[in-house]
Protein backbone atom coordinates (compact mmCIF):
# COMPACT_ATOMS: atom_id res chain seq x y z
CA MET A 1 -28.35 57.61 -57.15
CA GLN A 2 -30.14 57.94 -53.95
CA VAL A 3 -28.60 56.57 -50.75
CA MET A 4 -30.93 55.48 -48.07
CA ASN A 5 -30.05 56.74 -44.69
CA MET A 6 -30.88 53.97 -42.29
CA LYS A 7 -30.40 54.37 -38.65
CA THR A 8 -29.24 51.29 -36.92
CA SER A 9 -29.50 51.38 -33.25
CA SER A 10 -28.57 48.80 -30.70
CA HIS A 11 -30.14 49.38 -27.36
CA GLY A 12 -29.08 46.09 -25.76
CA PHE A 13 -31.45 43.68 -24.08
CA SER A 14 -34.70 44.70 -22.51
CA LEU A 15 -35.51 43.84 -18.94
CA ILE A 16 -38.10 41.30 -20.08
CA GLU A 17 -35.55 39.52 -22.31
CA LEU A 18 -33.11 39.30 -19.41
CA LEU A 19 -35.81 37.93 -17.11
CA VAL A 20 -36.80 35.30 -19.68
CA VAL A 21 -33.18 34.16 -19.96
CA LEU A 22 -32.83 34.00 -16.17
CA VAL A 23 -36.04 31.95 -15.87
CA ILE A 24 -34.79 29.52 -18.54
CA LEU A 25 -31.42 29.17 -16.76
CA GLY A 26 -33.23 28.60 -13.47
CA LEU A 27 -35.36 25.86 -14.99
CA ILE A 28 -32.33 24.15 -16.50
CA ALA A 29 -30.46 24.33 -13.18
CA GLY A 30 -33.53 22.98 -11.36
CA LEU A 31 -33.61 19.95 -13.62
CA VAL A 32 -29.89 19.24 -13.89
CA VAL A 33 -28.56 19.86 -10.36
CA PRO A 34 -30.73 17.24 -8.59
CA ASN A 35 -29.69 14.61 -11.15
CA ILE A 36 -26.02 15.42 -10.62
CA MET A 37 -26.36 15.34 -6.82
CA GLY A 38 -28.14 11.97 -6.93
CA ARG A 39 -25.43 10.50 -9.11
CA SER A 40 -22.77 11.76 -6.73
CA GLU A 41 -24.26 9.82 -3.82
CA ASP A 42 -24.76 6.76 -6.02
CA ALA A 43 -21.10 6.96 -7.07
CA LYS A 44 -20.03 7.14 -3.42
CA SER A 45 -22.11 4.05 -2.62
CA ARG A 46 -20.54 2.12 -5.51
CA THR A 47 -17.08 3.30 -4.41
CA ALA A 48 -17.75 2.11 -0.86
CA LEU A 49 -18.82 -1.32 -2.14
CA ALA A 50 -15.66 -1.60 -4.26
CA GLU A 51 -13.50 -0.54 -1.30
CA VAL A 52 -15.16 -3.04 1.03
CA GLN A 53 -14.46 -5.80 -1.50
CA ARG A 54 -10.87 -4.58 -1.86
CA LEU A 55 -10.39 -4.57 1.92
CA SER A 56 -11.86 -8.07 2.10
CA MET A 57 -9.33 -9.30 -0.47
CA ALA A 58 -6.53 -7.54 1.43
CA VAL A 59 -7.61 -9.36 4.61
CA ASP A 60 -7.42 -12.64 2.68
CA GLU A 61 -3.90 -11.78 1.49
CA PHE A 62 -2.88 -10.88 5.03
CA TYR A 63 -4.22 -14.22 6.23
CA LEU A 64 -2.37 -16.16 3.53
CA ASP A 65 0.90 -14.38 4.39
CA THR A 66 0.70 -14.43 8.19
CA GLY A 67 -1.55 -17.36 9.05
CA ARG A 68 -4.08 -15.23 10.94
CA ALA A 69 -6.63 -12.54 10.19
CA PRO A 70 -5.80 -8.96 11.14
CA ARG A 71 -7.19 -7.85 14.48
CA GLU A 72 -7.92 -4.40 13.03
CA LEU A 73 -7.78 -2.84 9.55
CA ARG A 74 -4.75 -0.75 10.53
CA GLU A 75 -2.70 -3.98 10.39
CA LEU A 76 -3.19 -3.95 6.61
CA VAL A 77 -1.19 -0.71 6.47
CA GLU A 78 1.24 -1.00 9.39
CA LYS A 79 3.04 -4.20 10.34
CA PRO A 80 1.95 -5.50 13.73
CA GLY A 81 4.86 -6.39 15.98
CA SER A 82 3.79 -9.96 16.65
CA VAL A 83 3.42 -11.06 13.02
CA SER A 84 5.97 -12.72 10.76
CA ASN A 85 5.82 -12.97 6.96
CA TRP A 86 3.92 -9.68 6.69
CA ASN A 87 4.24 -8.54 3.04
CA GLY A 88 2.29 -5.29 3.26
CA PRO A 89 1.15 -2.72 3.09
CA TYR A 90 -1.87 -4.45 1.58
CA VAL A 91 -3.82 -1.21 1.09
CA ASN A 92 -3.15 2.50 1.37
CA ASN A 93 -3.99 4.40 4.53
CA SER A 94 -6.65 6.32 2.57
CA ASN A 95 -8.49 3.03 1.87
CA LEU A 96 -9.37 2.69 5.55
CA ASN A 97 -12.05 5.43 5.36
CA ASP A 98 -15.28 5.28 3.39
CA PRO A 99 -16.20 7.95 0.78
CA TRP A 100 -18.01 9.93 3.49
CA GLY A 101 -14.81 10.18 5.55
CA GLU A 102 -15.72 7.65 8.25
CA PRO A 103 -13.54 4.63 9.06
CA TYR A 104 -14.79 1.29 7.76
CA VAL A 105 -16.15 -0.91 10.53
CA TYR A 106 -14.15 -4.12 10.95
CA ARG A 107 -15.35 -7.04 13.03
CA PHE A 108 -13.26 -10.14 13.67
CA PRO A 109 -14.67 -12.65 14.18
CA GLY A 110 -17.56 -11.54 12.05
CA GLU A 111 -21.27 -12.18 12.53
CA LYS A 112 -22.07 -12.95 8.87
CA ARG A 113 -18.66 -14.11 7.63
CA ASP A 114 -15.28 -14.88 9.16
CA VAL A 115 -14.56 -11.14 8.93
CA ASP A 116 -17.19 -8.40 8.55
CA ILE A 117 -16.22 -5.14 6.87
CA TYR A 118 -18.81 -2.45 6.30
CA SER A 119 -19.67 1.21 5.97
CA HIS A 120 -22.78 2.74 7.51
CA GLY A 121 -23.32 4.81 4.37
CA ARG A 122 -23.95 8.53 4.08
CA ASP A 123 -25.70 8.96 7.43
CA GLY A 124 -23.05 7.06 9.41
CA ALA A 125 -25.74 5.16 11.33
CA PRO A 126 -26.66 1.46 11.14
CA GLY A 127 -29.43 0.54 8.70
CA GLY A 128 -31.00 3.00 6.30
CA GLU A 129 -32.04 3.00 2.67
CA GLY A 130 -30.58 4.39 -0.54
CA PRO A 131 -27.30 6.22 0.10
CA ASP A 132 -27.83 5.79 3.86
CA ARG A 133 -27.85 1.97 3.67
CA ASP A 134 -25.08 -0.15 5.12
CA ILE A 135 -22.56 -1.50 2.62
CA SER A 136 -20.75 -4.68 3.62
CA ASN A 137 -18.75 -7.62 2.33
CA ALA A 138 -21.73 -9.84 3.23
CA ASN A 139 -23.98 -8.22 0.56
């Protein structure tokens, strides 16, 4: 019986194989990361719209309880001294800032409705398009 003597050697990966893998990973990252980043801004815009609607409903509740609209959004969290029948807080303190960390703009009396509540979007400036657009309760 003859036994074959086979040498098995494992030298690891060649430099070319490593470069091919790195190129493939780079291509995948180049395709996936922009999609994830775009969805993040879209999610923030949808969150801002939901928060503006929530604040608008909280203003309505405040009005039903006290007989007047709040003079500022802070009155939804902290009872103003001159108000009776306040049954708040109507929202949490964290609901007073948009997803980009800026305070929601509150205007009473409003220009488009009785009360205007809006966020200036990602750029924090009036107007804009996409994630930079204004988000309001008048939309």
